[in-house]
Amino acid sequence: MEELEVTWGRAARIWWSIAWRSALAAGVVGIAIGVLVGIALGAAGRPDLARQFGQLLGIAVAIPVGIWAVKAVLSKEYRQFRVALISSTEATLGEIVSKMRAQ
């Protein structure tokens, strides 16, 4: 397995991939939940609580959506690379083998 250099361009591509997924999904889910909560609070005669519930629901939606976006990016193939999780034991063993081969 070849390890590529972490560059600003690669970091920006990964960041953008996470950012747009998070924003789009959070917007869609947030609007849907907001409409439902707004209707429910209006029907209950408590439209004054909409702001507080909206803020709490925004946080509640943002966390799982953000985790989903990171998971999606970890599964994505880019042109020159993909983001991978490597066990620290394997990474350390790989470094030792590489150093031994270089000698």
N, C-alpha and C. Protein backbone atom coordinates (compact mmCIF):
# COMPACT_ATOMS: atom_id res chain seq x y z
N MET A 1 0.85 -1.18 0.00
CA MET A 1 0.00 0.00 0.00
C MET A 1 0.90 1.24 0.00
N GLU A 2 0.66 2.09 -0.97
CA GLU A 2 1.45 3.30 -1.09
C GLU A 2 0.74 4.44 -0.33
N GLU A 3 1.48 5.09 0.53
CA GLU A 3 0.92 6.22 1.27
C GLU A 3 1.23 7.50 0.51
N LEU A 4 0.20 8.28 0.21
CA LEU A 4 0.38 9.54 -0.50
C LEU A 4 0.58 10.68 0.47
N GLU A 5 1.24 11.71 -0.02
CA GLU A 5 1.46 12.91 0.79
C GLU A 5 0.13 13.64 1.03
N VAL A 6 -0.04 14.14 2.23
CA VAL A 6 -1.22 14.95 2.54
C VAL A 6 -0.95 16.36 2.03
N THR A 7 -1.65 16.76 0.97
CA THR A 7 -1.46 18.08 0.38
C THR A 7 -2.67 18.95 0.67
N TRP A 8 -2.51 20.25 0.45
CA TRP A 8 -3.64 21.17 0.64
C TRP A 8 -4.76 20.85 -0.34
N GLY A 9 -4.41 20.49 -1.56
CA GLY A 9 -5.43 20.15 -2.56
C GLY A 9 -6.24 18.93 -2.17
N ARG A 10 -5.55 17.88 -1.72
CA ARG A 10 -6.26 16.67 -1.31
C ARG A 10 -7.11 16.94 -0.07
N ALA A 11 -6.57 17.68 0.87
CA ALA A 11 -7.34 18.02 2.07
C ALA A 11 -8.58 18.83 1.71
N ALA A 12 -8.42 19.77 0.77
CA ALA A 12 -9.56 20.59 0.35
C ALA A 12 -10.63 19.75 -0.34
N ARG A 13 -10.23 18.77 -1.15
CA ARG A 13 -11.20 17.90 -1.83
C ARG A 13 -11.99 17.08 -0.81
N ILE A 14 -11.30 16.56 0.19
CA ILE A 14 -11.98 15.77 1.22
C ILE A 14 -12.90 16.66 2.03
N TRP A 15 -12.41 17.83 2.42
CA TRP A 15 -13.23 18.76 3.20
C TRP A 15 -14.50 19.14 2.41
N TRP A 16 -14.33 19.49 1.14
CA TRP A 16 -15.47 19.90 0.33
C TRP A 16 -16.47 18.75 0.20
N SER A 17 -15.97 17.54 0.04
CA SER A 17 -16.83 16.38 -0.08
C SER A 17 -17.69 16.18 1.17
N ILE A 18 -17.09 16.40 2.34
CA ILE A 18 -17.83 16.30 3.60
C ILE A 18 -18.78 17.48 3.75
N ALA A 19 -18.30 18.68 3.43
CA ALA A 19 -19.09 19.91 3.65
C ALA A 19 -20.38 19.93 2.82
N TRP A 20 -20.29 19.63 1.52
CA TRP A 20 -21.51 19.74 0.72
C TRP A 20 -22.51 18.65 1.06
N ARG A 21 -22.01 17.44 1.39
CA ARG A 21 -22.93 16.38 1.79
C ARG A 21 -23.65 16.75 3.09
N SER A 22 -22.89 17.26 4.04
CA SER A 22 -23.47 17.66 5.33
C SER A 22 -24.50 18.77 5.15
N ALA A 23 -24.14 19.78 4.38
CA ALA A 23 -25.04 20.93 4.20
C ALA A 23 -26.32 20.52 3.49
N LEU A 24 -26.20 19.77 2.42
CA LEU A 24 -27.38 19.37 1.66
C LEU A 24 -28.29 18.46 2.48
N ALA A 25 -27.72 17.43 3.09
CA ALA A 25 -28.53 16.49 3.87
C ALA A 25 -29.15 17.17 5.09
N ALA A 26 -28.36 17.99 5.79
CA ALA A 26 -28.90 18.69 6.96
C ALA A 26 -30.01 19.66 6.55
N GLY A 27 -29.85 20.31 5.41
CA GLY A 27 -30.89 21.23 4.93
C GLY A 27 -32.19 20.51 4.61
N VAL A 28 -32.08 19.42 3.89
CA VAL A 28 -33.28 18.67 3.51
C VAL A 28 -33.97 18.08 4.74
N VAL A 29 -33.20 17.40 5.58
CA VAL A 29 -33.78 16.79 6.78
C VAL A 29 -34.28 17.87 7.74
N GLY A 30 -33.51 18.95 7.89
CA GLY A 30 -33.91 20.04 8.78
C GLY A 30 -35.20 20.71 8.36
N ILE A 31 -35.35 20.94 7.06
CA ILE A 31 -36.59 21.56 6.57
C ILE A 31 -37.77 20.63 6.81
N ALA A 32 -37.59 19.36 6.50
CA ALA A 32 -38.69 18.40 6.68
C ALA A 32 -39.13 18.32 8.14
N ILE A 33 -38.15 18.19 9.03
CA ILE A 33 -38.49 18.11 10.46
C ILE A 33 -39.04 19.44 10.96
N GLY A 34 -38.48 20.54 10.49
CA GLY A 34 -38.95 21.86 10.90
C GLY A 34 -40.40 22.11 10.52
N VAL A 35 -40.75 21.70 9.32
CA VAL A 35 -42.14 21.86 8.88
C VAL A 35 -43.07 21.04 9.76
N LEU A 36 -42.70 19.80 10.00
CA LEU A 36 -43.53 18.93 10.84
C LEU A 36 -43.68 19.47 12.26
N VAL A 37 -42.58 19.91 12.84
CA VAL A 37 -42.63 20.45 14.21
C VAL A 37 -43.41 21.76 14.23
N GLY A 38 -43.22 22.59 13.21
CA GLY A 38 -43.96 23.85 13.13
C GLY A 38 -45.46 23.62 13.04
N ILE A 39 -45.85 22.68 12.24
CA ILE A 39 -47.28 22.35 12.12
C ILE A 39 -47.81 21.81 13.44
N ALA A 40 -47.03 20.92 14.06
CA ALA A 40 -47.47 20.33 15.33
C ALA A 40 -47.58 21.40 16.43
N LEU A 41 -46.60 22.28 16.52
CA LEU A 41 -46.65 23.33 17.54
C LEU A 41 -47.77 24.33 17.25
N GLY A 42 -47.99 24.63 15.97
CA GLY A 42 -49.09 25.52 15.61
C GLY A 42 -50.44 24.92 15.97
N ALA A 43 -50.57 23.63 15.69
CA ALA A 43 -51.83 22.95 16.00
C ALA A 43 -52.05 22.85 17.51
N ALA A 44 -50.93 22.78 18.26
CA ALA A 44 -51.04 22.70 19.72
C ALA A 44 -51.21 24.08 20.35
N GLY A 45 -51.20 25.12 19.51
CA GLY A 45 -51.36 26.48 20.03
C GLY A 45 -50.10 27.04 20.68
N ARG A 46 -48.92 26.50 20.33
CA ARG A 46 -47.66 26.95 20.93
C ARG A 46 -46.62 27.36 19.88
N PRO A 47 -46.96 28.24 18.95
CA PRO A 47 -45.98 28.64 17.94
C PRO A 47 -44.78 29.38 18.55
N ASP A 48 -44.94 29.87 19.79
CA ASP A 48 -43.85 30.56 20.47
C ASP A 48 -42.68 29.62 20.79
N LEU A 49 -42.91 28.33 20.83
CA LEU A 49 -41.85 27.36 21.13
C LEU A 49 -41.07 26.92 19.89
N ALA A 50 -41.49 27.37 18.73
CA ALA A 50 -40.87 26.92 17.48
C ALA A 50 -39.37 27.23 17.44
N ARG A 51 -38.95 28.40 17.85
CA ARG A 51 -37.53 28.77 17.80
C ARG A 51 -36.69 27.85 18.68
N GLN A 52 -37.13 27.61 19.92
CA GLN A 52 -36.36 26.76 20.83
C GLN A 52 -36.29 25.32 20.31
N PHE A 53 -37.43 24.79 19.87
CA PHE A 53 -37.43 23.44 19.32
C PHE A 53 -36.59 23.36 18.05
N GLY A 54 -36.66 24.41 17.25
CA GLY A 54 -35.88 24.44 16.01
C GLY A 54 -34.39 24.37 16.28
N GLN A 55 -33.92 25.11 17.27
CA GLN A 55 -32.49 25.08 17.62
C GLN A 55 -32.07 23.70 18.13
N LEU A 56 -32.86 23.13 19.00
CA LEU A 56 -32.54 21.81 19.53
C LEU A 56 -32.56 20.74 18.44
N LEU A 57 -33.56 20.81 17.59
CA LEU A 57 -33.65 19.84 16.50
C LEU A 57 -32.53 20.03 15.48
N GLY A 58 -32.10 21.26 15.30
CA GLY A 58 -30.98 21.53 14.40
C GLY A 58 -29.71 20.81 14.86
N ILE A 59 -29.46 20.89 16.15
CA ILE A 59 -28.30 20.19 16.71
C ILE A 59 -28.50 18.68 16.60
N ALA A 60 -29.69 18.23 16.94
CA ALA A 60 -29.98 16.79 16.90
C ALA A 60 -29.85 16.22 15.48
N VAL A 61 -30.15 17.02 14.48
CA VAL A 61 -30.04 16.57 13.09
C VAL A 61 -28.60 16.68 12.60
N ALA A 62 -27.89 17.74 12.98
CA ALA A 62 -26.55 17.99 12.47
C ALA A 62 -25.55 16.90 12.85
N ILE A 63 -25.66 16.37 14.04
CA ILE A 63 -24.69 15.37 14.49
C ILE A 63 -24.77 14.08 13.65
N PRO A 64 -25.93 13.42 13.57
CA PRO A 64 -25.95 12.20 12.75
C PRO A 64 -25.71 12.46 11.26
N VAL A 65 -26.15 13.60 10.76
CA VAL A 65 -25.91 13.92 9.35
C VAL A 65 -24.42 14.11 9.10
N GLY A 66 -23.73 14.77 10.02
CA GLY A 66 -22.28 14.94 9.89
C GLY A 66 -21.54 13.61 9.91
N ILE A 67 -21.96 12.73 10.80
CA ILE A 67 -21.34 11.40 10.86
C ILE A 67 -21.61 10.64 9.56
N TRP A 68 -22.84 10.73 9.05
CA TRP A 68 -23.16 10.09 7.78
C TRP A 68 -22.26 10.62 6.66
N ALA A 69 -22.04 11.94 6.62
CA ALA A 69 -21.21 12.55 5.56
C ALA A 69 -19.79 12.02 5.63
N VAL A 70 -19.23 11.92 6.82
CA VAL A 70 -17.86 11.39 6.97
C VAL A 70 -17.82 9.93 6.51
N LYS A 71 -18.81 9.15 6.89
CA LYS A 71 -18.86 7.74 6.47
C LYS A 71 -18.95 7.64 4.95
N ALA A 72 -19.74 8.49 4.34
CA ALA A 72 -19.88 8.47 2.88
C ALA A 72 -18.55 8.80 2.21
N VAL A 73 -17.83 9.77 2.75
CA VAL A 73 -16.54 10.15 2.18
C VAL A 73 -15.51 9.03 2.37
N LEU A 74 -15.58 8.33 3.50
CA LEU A 74 -14.65 7.22 3.71
C LEU A 74 -14.88 6.09 2.72
N SER A 75 -16.05 6.02 2.13
CA SER A 75 -16.38 4.99 1.14
C SER A 75 -16.16 5.45 -0.29
N LYS A 76 -15.83 6.72 -0.50
CA LYS A 76 -15.73 7.30 -1.84
C LYS A 76 -14.36 7.07 -2.46
N GLU A 77 -14.35 6.84 -3.76
CA GLU A 77 -13.11 6.75 -4.54
C GLU A 77 -12.89 8.09 -5.24
N TYR A 78 -11.76 8.71 -5.01
CA TYR A 78 -11.38 9.93 -5.73
C TYR A 78 -10.56 9.51 -6.94
N ARG A 79 -10.15 10.46 -7.78
CA ARG A 79 -9.39 10.11 -8.97
C ARG A 79 -8.06 9.44 -8.64
N GLN A 80 -7.31 10.02 -7.74
CA GLN A 80 -5.96 9.53 -7.45
C GLN A 80 -5.85 8.79 -6.12
N PHE A 81 -6.89 8.81 -5.32
CA PHE A 81 -6.79 8.23 -3.98
C PHE A 81 -8.16 7.94 -3.40
N ARG A 82 -8.16 7.32 -2.26
CA ARG A 82 -9.35 7.18 -1.44
C ARG A 82 -8.91 7.32 0.01
N VAL A 83 -9.80 7.73 0.84
CA VAL A 83 -9.51 7.89 2.26
C VAL A 83 -9.72 6.53 2.90
N ALA A 84 -8.75 6.07 3.70
CA ALA A 84 -8.85 4.74 4.29
C ALA A 84 -8.49 4.79 5.76
N LEU A 85 -9.11 3.90 6.51
CA LEU A 85 -8.75 3.70 7.91
C LEU A 85 -7.83 2.49 7.97
N ILE A 86 -6.70 2.68 8.62
CA ILE A 86 -5.72 1.60 8.74
C ILE A 86 -5.47 1.37 10.22
N SER A 87 -5.48 0.12 10.62
CA SER A 87 -5.24 -0.16 12.03
C SER A 87 -3.85 0.33 12.40
N SER A 88 -3.71 0.88 13.58
CA SER A 88 -2.42 1.43 14.00
C SER A 88 -1.36 0.33 14.08
N THR A 89 -1.75 -0.91 14.36
CA THR A 89 -0.80 -2.02 14.39
C THR A 89 -0.26 -2.29 12.99
N GLU A 90 -1.15 -2.32 12.00
CA GLU A 90 -0.70 -2.53 10.63
C GLU A 90 0.15 -1.38 10.13
N ALA A 91 -0.21 -0.16 10.48
CA ALA A 91 0.55 1.00 10.04
C ALA A 91 1.96 0.94 10.61
N THR A 92 2.09 0.60 11.88
CA THR A 92 3.40 0.51 12.52
C THR A 92 4.21 -0.62 11.90
N LEU A 93 3.59 -1.77 11.68
CA LEU A 93 4.26 -2.91 11.07
C LEU A 93 4.72 -2.56 9.65
N GLY A 94 3.86 -1.85 8.91
CA GLY A 94 4.23 -1.43 7.56
C GLY A 94 5.44 -0.52 7.55
N GLU A 95 5.51 0.39 8.51
CA GLU A 95 6.67 1.30 8.61
C GLU A 95 7.93 0.52 8.90
N ILE A 96 7.85 -0.47 9.79
CA ILE A 96 9.03 -1.28 10.15
C ILE A 96 9.50 -2.07 8.93
N VAL A 97 8.56 -2.68 8.20
CA VAL A 97 8.93 -3.45 7.01
C VAL A 97 9.55 -2.53 5.96
N SER A 98 9.01 -1.36 5.77
CA SER A 98 9.55 -0.41 4.79
C SER A 98 10.97 -0.01 5.16
N LYS A 99 11.22 0.24 6.42
CA LYS A 99 12.56 0.62 6.88
C LYS A 99 13.54 -0.53 6.70
N MET A 100 13.08 -1.76 6.97
CA MET A 100 13.94 -2.92 6.82
C MET A 100 14.30 -3.13 5.34
N ARG A 101 13.34 -2.93 4.45
CA ARG A 101 13.60 -3.09 3.01
C ARG A 101 14.57 -2.03 2.50
N ALA A 102 14.51 -0.83 3.08
CA ALA A 102 15.36 0.26 2.65
C ALA A 102 16.82 0.04 3.04
N GLN A 103 17.06 -0.79 4.03
CA GLN A 103 18.44 -1.03 4.49
C GLN A 103 19.18 -1.96 3.64
